[in-house]
Amino acid sequence: MIHPASGFRGTRAGVTEGTGFSFESEDHGKALPRIQVSYWCAKGHETRPVFVKLPEDQIPLVWDCRRCGAPASRDGQSAAAADAMDDGYKTHLEYVKERRSGQDAEDVLAGALEKLRARGVLADELLRDT
């Protein structure tokens, strides 16, 4: 239910020409021209966002795919090339592996196991080197 004293009652949202608020008069202005641009990701998904009609150089060359989130381009091929070069999201473990070597990991694990054994959390026979 709309509150009767609401200032937004009967207004519409959107891009309009003219100045002032759209609820000041009955004439809401005319809608600006719009265009729909197609973008394709490396998986072949098509995304078609709507833009206000702008010069060609102001329309983004790359857009996020709505289905998979991968970068999408207007021709579809540059998105595949960009996707192949991009590593994308890295997990915490991948960042740790970048900072530490395998020997560092073994040393940290051995230290943590010794602390647990000292507190009596782990039995001495458990995970002991044979």
Protein backbone atom coordinates (compact mmCIF):
# COMPACT_ATOMS: atom_id res chain seq x y z
CA MET A 1 0.00 0.00 0.00
CA ILE A 2 1.30 3.45 -0.89
CA HIS A 3 1.19 6.12 1.78
CA PRO A 4 -1.14 8.94 0.63
CA ALA A 5 1.37 11.65 1.60
CA SER A 6 4.23 10.08 -0.31
CA GLY A 7 5.97 12.45 -2.71
CA PHE A 8 6.85 9.59 -5.01
CA ARG A 9 3.32 8.45 -5.68
CA GLY A 10 2.60 8.32 -9.39
CA THR A 11 6.19 8.96 -10.47
CA ARG A 12 8.32 6.75 -12.65
CA ALA A 13 12.01 6.02 -12.55
CA GLY A 14 14.14 6.35 -15.64
CA VAL A 15 16.28 8.62 -17.73
CA THR A 16 14.37 11.59 -19.09
CA GLU A 17 15.30 14.82 -20.82
CA GLY A 18 14.63 18.16 -19.24
CA THR A 19 15.37 19.76 -15.93
CA GLY A 20 13.73 19.54 -12.57
CA PHE A 21 12.04 16.66 -10.86
CA SER A 22 9.77 14.40 -12.88
CA PHE A 23 6.91 14.87 -10.39
CA GLU A 24 6.78 18.67 -10.78
CA SER A 25 4.42 18.62 -13.74
CA GLU A 26 2.39 16.29 -15.91
CA ASP A 27 4.99 16.56 -18.70
CA HIS A 28 7.67 14.06 -17.68
CA GLY A 29 9.89 14.80 -20.65
CA LYS A 30 10.69 12.32 -23.37
CA ALA A 31 12.79 9.22 -22.93
CA LEU A 32 16.32 9.37 -24.28
CA PRO A 33 17.16 7.06 -27.16
CA ARG A 34 18.62 3.73 -26.11
CA ILE A 35 20.57 0.97 -27.80
CA GLN A 36 21.07 -2.68 -26.96
CA VAL A 37 24.63 -4.00 -27.40
CA SER A 38 25.52 -7.70 -27.66
CA TYR A 39 28.53 -9.12 -25.78
CA TRP A 40 29.75 -12.75 -25.90
CA CYS A 41 31.94 -14.49 -23.34
CA ALA A 42 34.44 -17.29 -24.07
CA LYS A 43 31.71 -19.88 -23.30
CA GLY A 44 29.43 -18.41 -25.97
CA HIS A 45 26.88 -16.81 -23.61
CA GLU A 46 25.31 -13.64 -25.00
CA THR A 47 24.66 -10.64 -22.76
CA ARG A 48 22.66 -7.69 -24.10
CA PRO A 49 22.77 -4.65 -21.79
CA VAL A 50 20.86 -1.50 -22.71
CA PHE A 51 22.71 1.82 -22.87
CA VAL A 52 21.68 5.39 -23.50
CA LYS A 53 22.64 6.09 -27.10
CA LEU A 54 26.24 7.29 -26.86
CA PRO A 55 29.08 7.71 -29.31
CA GLU A 56 30.68 4.38 -30.20
CA ASP A 57 33.90 5.14 -28.30
CA GLN A 58 31.98 5.64 -25.02
CA ILE A 59 30.29 2.22 -25.04
CA PRO A 60 32.34 -0.31 -23.02
CA LEU A 61 34.37 -2.81 -25.03
CA VAL A 62 34.16 -5.45 -22.27
CA TRP A 63 31.16 -6.40 -20.09
CA ASP A 64 30.70 -9.12 -17.47
CA CYS A 65 28.70 -12.15 -18.63
CA ARG A 66 25.41 -12.39 -16.74
CA ARG A 67 25.48 -16.20 -16.68
CA CYS A 68 29.06 -17.08 -15.72
CA GLY A 69 30.65 -13.74 -14.73
CA ALA A 70 33.51 -14.09 -17.23
CA PRO A 71 34.57 -11.07 -19.29
CA ALA A 72 32.57 -10.72 -22.50
CA SER A 73 33.42 -8.66 -25.57
CA ARG A 74 31.47 -7.48 -28.57
CA ASP A 75 33.17 -9.87 -30.99
CA GLY A 76 33.54 -12.81 -28.55
CA GLN A 77 37.10 -13.62 -29.65
CA SER A 78 38.96 -11.00 -27.64
CA ALA A 79 37.07 -12.23 -24.55
CA ALA A 80 38.43 -15.73 -25.11
CA ALA A 81 41.97 -14.36 -25.45
CA ALA A 82 41.60 -12.22 -22.33
CA ASP A 83 40.12 -15.17 -20.41
CA ALA A 84 43.06 -17.41 -21.33
CA MET A 85 45.58 -14.87 -20.02
CA ASP A 86 43.64 -14.01 -16.86
CA ASP A 87 44.26 -16.30 -13.88
CA GLY A 88 41.05 -15.08 -12.31
CA TYR A 89 40.25 -15.65 -8.66
CA LYS A 90 42.98 -17.11 -6.45
CA THR A 91 42.23 -19.12 -3.36
CA HIS A 92 43.91 -18.56 -0.01
CA LEU A 93 46.01 -21.67 -0.56
CA GLU A 94 47.31 -20.35 -3.89
CA TYR A 95 48.44 -17.13 -2.23
CA VAL A 96 50.18 -19.10 0.53
CA LYS A 97 51.94 -21.28 -2.05
CA GLU A 98 53.26 -18.13 -3.72
CA ARG A 99 54.80 -16.95 -0.43
CA ARG A 100 56.11 -20.25 0.96
CA SER A 101 58.08 -23.17 -0.39
CA GLY A 102 57.22 -26.82 0.21
CA GLN A 103 59.91 -27.04 2.89
CA ASP A 104 58.45 -24.01 4.70
CA ALA A 105 55.05 -25.71 4.70
CA GLU A 106 56.49 -28.91 6.17
CA ASP A 107 58.30 -26.92 8.90
CA VAL A 108 55.13 -25.03 9.85
CA LEU A 109 53.12 -28.28 9.94
CA ALA A 110 55.74 -30.03 12.09
CA GLY A 111 55.76 -27.11 14.54
CA ALA A 112 51.97 -27.07 14.79
CA LEU A 113 51.85 -30.84 15.39
CA GLU A 114 54.47 -30.58 18.14
CA LYS A 115 52.44 -27.86 19.88
CA LEU A 116 49.31 -30.06 19.72
CA ARG A 117 51.20 -33.05 21.09
CA ALA A 118 52.63 -30.92 23.93
CA ARG A 119 49.10 -29.88 24.92
CA GLY A 120 47.96 -33.50 24.82
CA VAL A 121 45.53 -32.98 21.95
CA LEU A 122 47.27 -35.49 19.68
CA ALA A 123 48.53 -38.90 20.71
CA ASP A 124 52.28 -39.41 20.30
CA GLU A 125 51.73 -42.24 17.83
CA LEU A 126 49.43 -40.19 15.60
CA LEU A 127 51.10 -38.62 12.55
CA ARG A 128 54.57 -39.52 13.82
CA ASP A 129 57.29 -40.01 11.20
CA THR A 130 58.07 -43.70 10.71
